[in-house]
Amino acid sequence: MTRSALTLSLLLGFLCCMLTPAAWSADRVRLMVAGVERSTNAQVVRDIAKHVAKPADIEFDVRHLPGSADALLRLREGSGLQFAVLQADVAEAFLGAAARGNIEAGQLLAPLRVIAPLHEEEIYFIVRNDSPLNFVHEIETARINVGPLRGDTALTVATLYRLMFNAALPEQQTSFHSHQNALVKLTEQTVDVVAVVAPQPARLLADMTSEARRFVKLLKFDPKNPGAGGTLKVYSATTVPAANYPNLLDEDLSALAVRVYLVSHGRNDAVQARFASAWCQNLPRLRAEGPPGLHGLELAPQPLASGWTYSRPFEREISACVGGKRAPAEPCSQEERVLGLCG
């Protein structure tokens, strides 16, 4: 073998080593999920990982956290592009805290951008059957159980209470028992309202026997109440079919719901563009094979709750996909690259 041929052979061997599968491994993106591994959020993430992230050559490093507040704190600790699954009312809660003087609250929220709206979770208020309360707007002076302190139900009830009554949820009226323990407290009359945030059908309610309606009932949301307007900039009015809870409801229930968002923290336009392209191509499969809450997902960007904006790279790609055109790349600034906000 001549020297030139040997050199070429060694060079090709070196290149082969450089181009091993490890060199082309998937981009790893940390993803914060509010909720336990058996939650609807966790199931949604698994389906997105399977039908969207994997085809885009993206691997999720999933971290389960008690609630959205903890997820925001963990996002701040990371670097580069990260994703999270959060409730839409997080923005209202943290922007409200910032407006009241908590600078850190605004800083935690500022880097977040919406990738896509996901499913809705309904907001239920359970009271005793003999309670004088019938509507959500009547809970102002009630003793309310909101679930674990750092959980999303607590965040939602506190945010909704402030929107309805322009005041913080009073500490002396608030308890943080589990749903099961709270129902016991409800029957003992040491709690007046048990709040539950869950997608339809909520297992806690669906599992109730026919005897349940003798002891408990659900409060209705009245969209005509003067305080309703402020709530609908963050939450949406919805209808809970009586068929979902035949042992509890005689007729459909008007209620409120909170949307769950997939959001990004930091920037890597190339990764987000790949994810958006895979989202566009595989959304029909995600709708068909994912949990029921995803069946109504729309490809075109939808209006967002107050305080949120879309991720520019993702929105650009999706808009181009809807229009049948390839989106032009938007360059990162040097400052964004230095700060690790853009890849």
Protein backbone atom coordinates (compact mmCIF):
# COMPACT_ATOMS: atom_id res chain seq x y z
CA MET A 1 0.00 0.00 0.00
CA THR A 2 1.38 3.40 -0.96
CA ARG A 3 1.89 6.11 1.61
CA SER A 4 -0.95 8.20 0.14
CA ALA A 5 -3.30 5.20 0.17
CA LEU A 6 -2.34 4.43 3.79
CA THR A 7 -2.95 8.05 4.76
CA LEU A 8 -6.35 8.01 3.06
CA SER A 9 -7.24 4.73 4.80
CA LEU A 10 -6.31 6.12 8.21
CA LEU A 11 -8.23 9.32 7.52
CA LEU A 12 -11.35 7.39 6.51
CA GLY A 13 -11.04 5.24 9.62
CA PHE A 14 -10.77 8.36 11.76
CA LEU A 15 -13.86 9.85 10.13
CA CYS A 16 -15.79 6.63 10.67
CA CYS A 17 -14.94 6.81 14.37
CA MET A 18 -16.05 10.44 14.47
CA LEU A 19 -19.37 9.59 12.81
CA THR A 20 -20.42 6.84 15.22
CA PRO A 21 -24.03 6.80 16.47
CA ALA A 22 -22.88 8.49 19.69
CA ALA A 23 -21.81 11.51 17.69
CA TRP A 24 -25.32 11.75 16.26
CA SER A 25 -27.17 11.10 19.52
CA ALA A 26 -30.47 12.82 20.17
CA ASP A 27 -30.57 16.26 21.75
CA ARG A 28 -31.42 15.85 25.44
CA VAL A 29 -33.93 18.37 26.77
CA ARG A 30 -34.84 18.51 30.45
CA LEU A 31 -38.62 18.59 30.96
CA MET A 32 -40.30 19.57 34.24
CA VAL A 33 -43.70 18.01 34.89
CA ALA A 34 -46.02 19.21 37.63
CA GLY A 35 -47.58 16.03 38.99
CA VAL A 36 -46.71 12.46 39.90
CA GLU A 37 -45.74 9.79 37.38
CA ARG A 38 -49.32 8.44 37.29
CA SER A 39 -50.88 11.84 36.54
CA THR A 40 -52.50 12.93 33.30
CA ASN A 41 -49.61 15.36 32.76
CA ALA A 42 -47.15 12.47 32.92
CA GLN A 43 -49.18 10.44 30.43
CA VAL A 44 -49.34 13.42 28.06
CA VAL A 45 -45.56 13.84 28.27
CA ARG A 46 -44.99 10.17 27.47
CA ASP A 47 -47.18 10.46 24.37
CA ILE A 48 -45.46 13.66 23.22
CA ALA A 49 -42.08 12.00 23.74
CA LYS A 50 -43.18 9.02 21.64
CA HIS A 51 -45.01 10.77 18.81
CA VAL A 52 -43.20 14.12 18.55
CA ALA A 53 -39.87 14.28 20.38
CA LYS A 54 -38.52 10.92 19.18
CA PRO A 55 -39.16 11.62 15.45
CA ALA A 56 -37.45 15.00 16.00
CA ASP A 57 -34.39 13.24 17.47
CA ILE A 58 -35.05 14.79 20.89
CA GLU A 59 -34.87 12.89 24.17
CA PHE A 60 -36.73 14.18 27.22
CA ASP A 61 -35.06 14.08 30.63
CA VAL A 62 -38.29 14.12 32.66
CA ARG A 63 -38.37 15.45 36.22
CA HIS A 64 -41.61 15.10 38.24
CA LEU A 65 -42.32 17.86 40.76
CA PRO A 66 -45.17 18.55 43.23
CA GLY A 67 -46.44 21.61 41.39
CA SER A 68 -45.80 24.42 38.95
CA ALA A 69 -44.12 26.65 41.54
CA ASP A 70 -41.42 24.02 42.12
CA ALA A 71 -41.08 23.54 38.36
CA LEU A 72 -40.35 27.26 37.89
CA LEU A 73 -37.67 27.18 40.57
CA ARG A 74 -36.01 24.14 38.98
CA LEU A 75 -36.09 25.72 35.52
CA ARG A 76 -34.10 28.64 36.88
CA GLU A 77 -31.38 26.25 38.06
CA GLY A 78 -30.89 24.70 34.60
CA SER A 79 -29.23 26.06 31.47
CA GLY A 80 -29.92 25.93 27.75
CA LEU A 81 -33.27 24.89 26.33
CA GLN A 82 -35.68 23.30 28.81
CA PHE A 83 -39.37 22.39 28.58
CA ALA A 84 -42.07 22.26 31.24
CA VAL A 85 -45.73 21.28 31.54
CA LEU A 86 -47.50 23.98 33.55
CA GLN A 87 -51.02 25.24 34.20
CA ALA A 88 -51.92 28.45 32.40
CA ASP A 89 -52.82 30.29 35.62
CA VAL A 90 -49.17 30.20 36.68
CA ALA A 91 -48.63 33.42 34.72
CA GLU A 92 -51.49 35.24 36.46
CA ALA A 93 -50.26 34.04 39.87
CA PHE A 94 -46.63 35.06 39.40
CA LEU A 95 -47.30 38.30 37.52
CA GLY A 96 -49.73 39.24 40.27
CA ALA A 97 -47.08 38.54 42.90
CA ALA A 98 -44.60 40.66 40.92
CA ALA A 99 -47.11 43.53 40.74
CA ARG A 100 -47.45 43.34 44.53
CA GLY A 101 -43.69 43.82 44.92
CA ASN A 102 -42.15 40.34 44.62
CA ILE A 103 -39.46 40.97 42.00
CA GLU A 104 -38.31 37.34 41.94
CA ALA A 105 -41.78 36.17 40.84
CA GLY A 106 -41.56 38.21 37.65
CA GLN A 107 -38.02 37.03 36.99
CA LEU A 108 -39.06 33.38 37.24
CA LEU A 109 -41.79 33.82 34.67
CA ALA A 110 -40.02 36.13 32.20
CA PRO A 111 -38.03 33.47 30.25
CA LEU A 112 -41.06 31.21 29.65
CA ARG A 113 -42.72 30.92 26.25
CA VAL A 114 -45.61 28.69 25.21
CA ILE A 115 -44.82 25.84 22.84
CA ALA A 116 -48.38 24.52 22.63
CA PRO A 117 -51.61 24.53 24.63
CA LEU A 118 -52.46 20.99 25.72
CA HIS A 119 -55.48 19.62 27.62
CA GLU A 120 -57.85 21.31 30.05
CA GLU A 121 -58.36 20.44 33.70
CA GLU A 122 -61.68 21.20 35.34
CA ILE A 123 -61.98 23.04 38.66
CA TYR A 124 -64.43 21.36 41.04
CA PHE A 125 -65.74 22.69 44.35
CA ILE A 126 -67.34 20.00 46.53
CA VAL A 127 -69.62 21.03 49.40
CA ARG A 128 -72.01 19.25 51.75
CA ASN A 129 -75.41 18.53 50.28
CA ASP A 130 -77.11 20.73 52.88
CA SER A 131 -74.69 23.63 52.31
CA PRO A 132 -76.27 27.03 51.54
CA LEU A 133 -73.60 27.46 48.85
CA ASN A 134 -74.65 26.74 45.27
CA PHE A 135 -72.27 28.80 43.13
CA VAL A 136 -68.50 29.27 42.95
CA HIS A 137 -68.80 33.03 43.56
CA GLU A 138 -70.31 32.29 47.00
CA ILE A 139 -67.15 30.80 48.55
CA GLU A 140 -65.65 34.09 49.79
CA THR A 141 -66.10 33.38 53.52
CA ALA A 142 -66.02 29.57 53.32
CA ARG A 143 -63.36 27.31 54.83
CA ILE A 144 -61.67 25.83 51.77
CA ASN A 145 -59.35 22.86 51.45
CA VAL A 146 -56.93 23.37 48.55
CA GLY A 147 -54.82 20.20 48.67
CA PRO A 148 -51.04 20.12 49.29
CA LEU A 149 -49.42 23.51 49.90
CA ARG A 150 -47.13 23.48 46.83
CA GLY A 151 -49.61 21.70 44.58
CA ASP A 152 -51.35 23.12 41.52
CA THR A 153 -54.82 22.97 43.09
CA ALA A 154 -53.64 25.34 45.82
CA LEU A 155 -52.16 27.69 43.21
CA THR A 156 -55.36 27.62 41.15
CA VAL A 157 -57.71 28.26 44.07
CA ALA A 158 -55.53 31.10 45.41
CA THR A 159 -55.38 32.69 41.95
CA LEU A 160 -59.09 32.26 41.25
CA TYR A 161 -60.01 33.61 44.70
CA ARG A 162 -57.99 36.79 44.10
CA LEU A 163 -59.56 37.28 40.67
CA MET A 164 -63.09 36.89 42.07
CA PHE A 165 -62.73 38.84 45.31
CA ASN A 166 -59.67 41.07 44.75
CA ALA A 167 -58.07 39.72 47.91
CA ALA A 168 -55.78 36.94 49.04
CA LEU A 169 -57.32 33.67 50.20
CA PRO A 170 -57.41 34.17 54.02
CA GLU A 171 -55.07 31.85 55.91
CA GLN A 172 -57.65 31.13 58.62
CA GLN A 173 -60.05 29.84 55.93
CA THR A 174 -57.52 27.60 54.18
CA SER A 175 -56.45 24.01 54.82
CA PHE A 176 -54.05 21.73 52.94
CA HIS A 177 -55.32 18.18 53.53
CA SER A 178 -55.29 15.48 50.87
CA HIS A 179 -58.56 15.16 48.95
CA GLN A 180 -59.54 12.00 50.83
CA ASN A 181 -58.86 13.52 54.26
CA ALA A 182 -60.59 16.72 53.23
CA LEU A 183 -63.78 14.83 52.37
CA VAL A 184 -63.75 13.40 55.89
CA LYS A 185 -63.30 16.93 57.27
CA LEU A 186 -66.19 18.02 55.07
CA THR A 187 -68.54 15.48 56.65
CA GLU A 188 -67.25 16.50 60.10
CA GLN A 189 -68.13 20.11 59.20
CA THR A 190 -64.62 21.44 59.87
CA VAL A 191 -64.22 22.22 56.16
CA ASP A 192 -66.90 23.85 53.98
CA VAL A 193 -65.44 23.38 50.49
CA VAL A 194 -63.06 20.82 48.98
CA ALA A 195 -61.38 22.05 45.80
CA VAL A 196 -60.21 19.57 43.16
CA VAL A 197 -58.47 20.34 39.86
CA ALA A 198 -58.44 17.39 37.46
CA PRO A 199 -59.27 16.48 33.85
CA GLN A 200 -62.62 14.86 33.11
CA PRO A 201 -63.55 12.44 34.46
CA ALA A 202 -61.91 13.13 37.83
CA ARG A 203 -61.39 9.76 39.46
CA LEU A 204 -62.23 11.06 42.93
CA LEU A 205 -65.70 12.00 41.70
CA ALA A 206 -66.21 9.18 39.21
CA ASP A 207 -65.57 6.58 41.93
CA MET A 208 -68.28 7.95 44.23
CA THR A 209 -71.21 5.62 44.83
CA SER A 210 -74.89 6.42 44.34
CA GLU A 211 -75.06 7.33 48.04
CA ALA A 212 -72.72 10.28 47.44
CA ARG A 213 -75.41 12.74 46.35
CA ARG A 214 -77.01 12.39 49.80
CA PHE A 215 -73.90 13.92 51.33
CA VAL A 216 -72.16 16.16 48.78
CA LYS A 217 -72.82 18.35 45.75
CA LEU A 218 -70.77 20.41 43.27
CA LEU A 219 -70.89 24.19 43.00
CA LYS A 220 -71.85 25.75 39.67
CA PHE A 221 -70.04 28.54 37.86
CA ASP A 222 -72.30 31.45 36.91
CA PRO A 223 -70.82 33.28 33.89
CA LYS A 224 -73.35 36.11 34.39
CA ASN A 225 -72.09 36.96 37.86
CA PRO A 226 -70.29 40.37 37.93
CA GLY A 227 -67.08 38.74 39.15
CA ALA A 228 -66.97 36.21 36.32
CA GLY A 229 -65.42 38.51 33.72
CA GLY A 230 -62.05 38.70 35.45
CA THR A 231 -61.81 34.95 35.82
CA LEU A 232 -62.39 34.29 32.11
CA LYS A 233 -59.18 36.05 31.05
CA VAL A 234 -57.30 33.20 32.73
CA TYR A 235 -59.80 30.34 32.94
CA SER A 236 -62.42 29.08 30.51
CA ALA A 237 -66.08 28.30 31.07
CA THR A 238 -66.87 24.66 30.41
CA THR A 239 -69.64 22.11 30.83
CA VAL A 240 -69.20 18.93 32.83
CA PRO A 241 -71.53 16.25 31.42
CA ALA A 242 -73.73 14.56 34.00
CA ALA A 243 -72.86 11.27 32.30
CA ASN A 244 -69.30 11.60 33.64
CA TYR A 245 -70.56 11.49 37.23
CA PRO A 246 -73.96 9.71 37.19
CA ASN A 247 -73.84 9.09 40.94
CA LEU A 248 -73.33 12.78 41.67
CA LEU A 249 -75.02 14.87 38.94
CA ASP A 250 -78.61 14.91 37.71
CA GLU A 251 -77.81 17.45 35.00
CA ASP A 252 -74.79 18.94 33.24
CA LEU A 253 -72.71 21.27 35.42
CA SER A 254 -71.37 24.68 34.38
CA ALA A 255 -67.79 24.96 35.64
CA LEU A 256 -64.38 26.55 35.11
CA ALA A 257 -61.33 24.90 33.58
CA VAL A 258 -57.64 25.72 33.39
CA ARG A 259 -55.57 24.94 30.31
CA VAL A 260 -52.25 23.11 30.61
CA TYR A 261 -49.35 24.43 28.50
CA LEU A 262 -46.14 22.93 27.19
CA VAL A 263 -43.64 25.77 27.63
CA SER A 264 -39.99 26.44 26.84
CA HIS A 265 -37.30 28.10 28.96
CA GLY A 266 -34.21 29.35 27.13
CA ARG A 267 -33.62 29.12 23.39
CA ASN A 268 -32.23 26.68 20.90
CA ASP A 269 -33.90 27.56 17.63
CA ALA A 270 -32.65 24.50 15.75
CA VAL A 271 -34.06 22.08 18.33
CA GLN A 272 -37.35 23.97 18.59
CA ALA A 273 -37.68 24.03 14.79
CA ARG A 274 -37.22 20.25 14.64
CA PHE A 275 -39.72 19.78 17.43
CA ALA A 276 -42.23 22.05 15.67
CA SER A 277 -41.79 20.20 12.39
CA ALA A 278 -42.39 16.86 14.13
CA TRP A 279 -45.38 18.36 15.96
CA CYS A 280 -46.85 19.44 12.63
CA GLN A 281 -46.31 16.03 11.02
CA ASN A 282 -47.37 13.86 13.96
CA LEU A 283 -50.18 15.82 15.61
CA PRO A 284 -52.88 13.60 14.01
CA ARG A 285 -51.30 10.53 15.62
CA LEU A 286 -50.89 12.32 18.96
CA ARG A 287 -54.58 13.26 18.87
CA ALA A 288 -55.65 9.74 17.94
CA GLU A 289 -53.43 7.76 20.31
CA GLY A 290 -52.93 10.20 23.19
CA PRO A 291 -55.22 10.63 26.22
CA PRO A 292 -58.75 11.99 25.62
CA GLY A 293 -57.77 15.53 26.59
CA LEU A 294 -55.51 15.78 23.53
CA HIS A 295 -58.13 14.71 21.00
CA GLY A 296 -59.15 18.30 20.32
CA LEU A 297 -55.67 19.78 19.86
CA GLU A 298 -55.42 22.36 17.07
CA LEU A 299 -52.33 22.84 14.92
CA ALA A 300 -52.78 26.57 14.35
CA PRO A 301 -51.70 28.78 17.29
CA GLN A 302 -54.63 29.43 19.65
CA PRO A 303 -55.33 32.47 21.86
CA LEU A 304 -53.43 32.24 25.15
CA ALA A 305 -54.39 33.06 28.72
CA SER A 306 -53.39 36.44 30.09
CA GLY A 307 -49.64 36.84 30.66
CA TRP A 308 -48.41 34.34 28.06
CA THR A 309 -46.74 34.62 24.64
CA TYR A 310 -45.71 31.94 22.17
CA SER A 311 -42.15 30.79 21.55
CA ARG A 312 -41.07 32.65 18.39
CA PRO A 313 -39.18 29.74 16.78
CA PHE A 314 -42.02 27.30 17.40
CA GLU A 315 -44.78 29.70 16.34
CA ARG A 316 -42.86 30.60 13.17
CA GLU A 317 -42.46 26.95 12.19
CA ILE A 318 -46.06 26.05 12.97
CA SER A 319 -47.42 29.06 11.07
CA ALA A 320 -45.29 28.07 8.09
CA CYS A 321 -46.50 24.49 8.40
CA VAL A 322 -50.13 25.61 8.43
CA GLY A 323 -49.45 27.82 5.40
CA GLY A 324 -47.50 25.12 3.59
CA LYS A 325 -44.23 27.08 3.55
CA ARG A 326 -40.86 26.57 5.20
CA ALA A 327 -40.13 29.19 7.86
CA PRO A 328 -36.94 31.26 7.42
CA ALA A 329 -34.39 30.90 10.19
CA GLU A 330 -34.14 33.69 12.75
CA PRO A 331 -30.52 34.16 13.83
CA CYS A 332 -29.49 34.22 17.46
CA SER A 333 -27.87 37.39 18.73
CA GLN A 334 -24.35 37.20 20.15
CA GLU A 335 -25.65 38.24 23.56
CA GLU A 336 -28.19 35.38 23.55
CA ARG A 337 -25.45 32.90 22.66
CA VAL A 338 -23.16 34.20 25.42
CA LEU A 339 -25.97 33.83 27.95
CA GLY A 340 -26.77 30.31 26.76
CA LEU A 341 -30.30 31.38 25.79
CA CYS A 342 -29.96 30.48 22.12
CA GLY A 343 -28.19 27.63 20.33
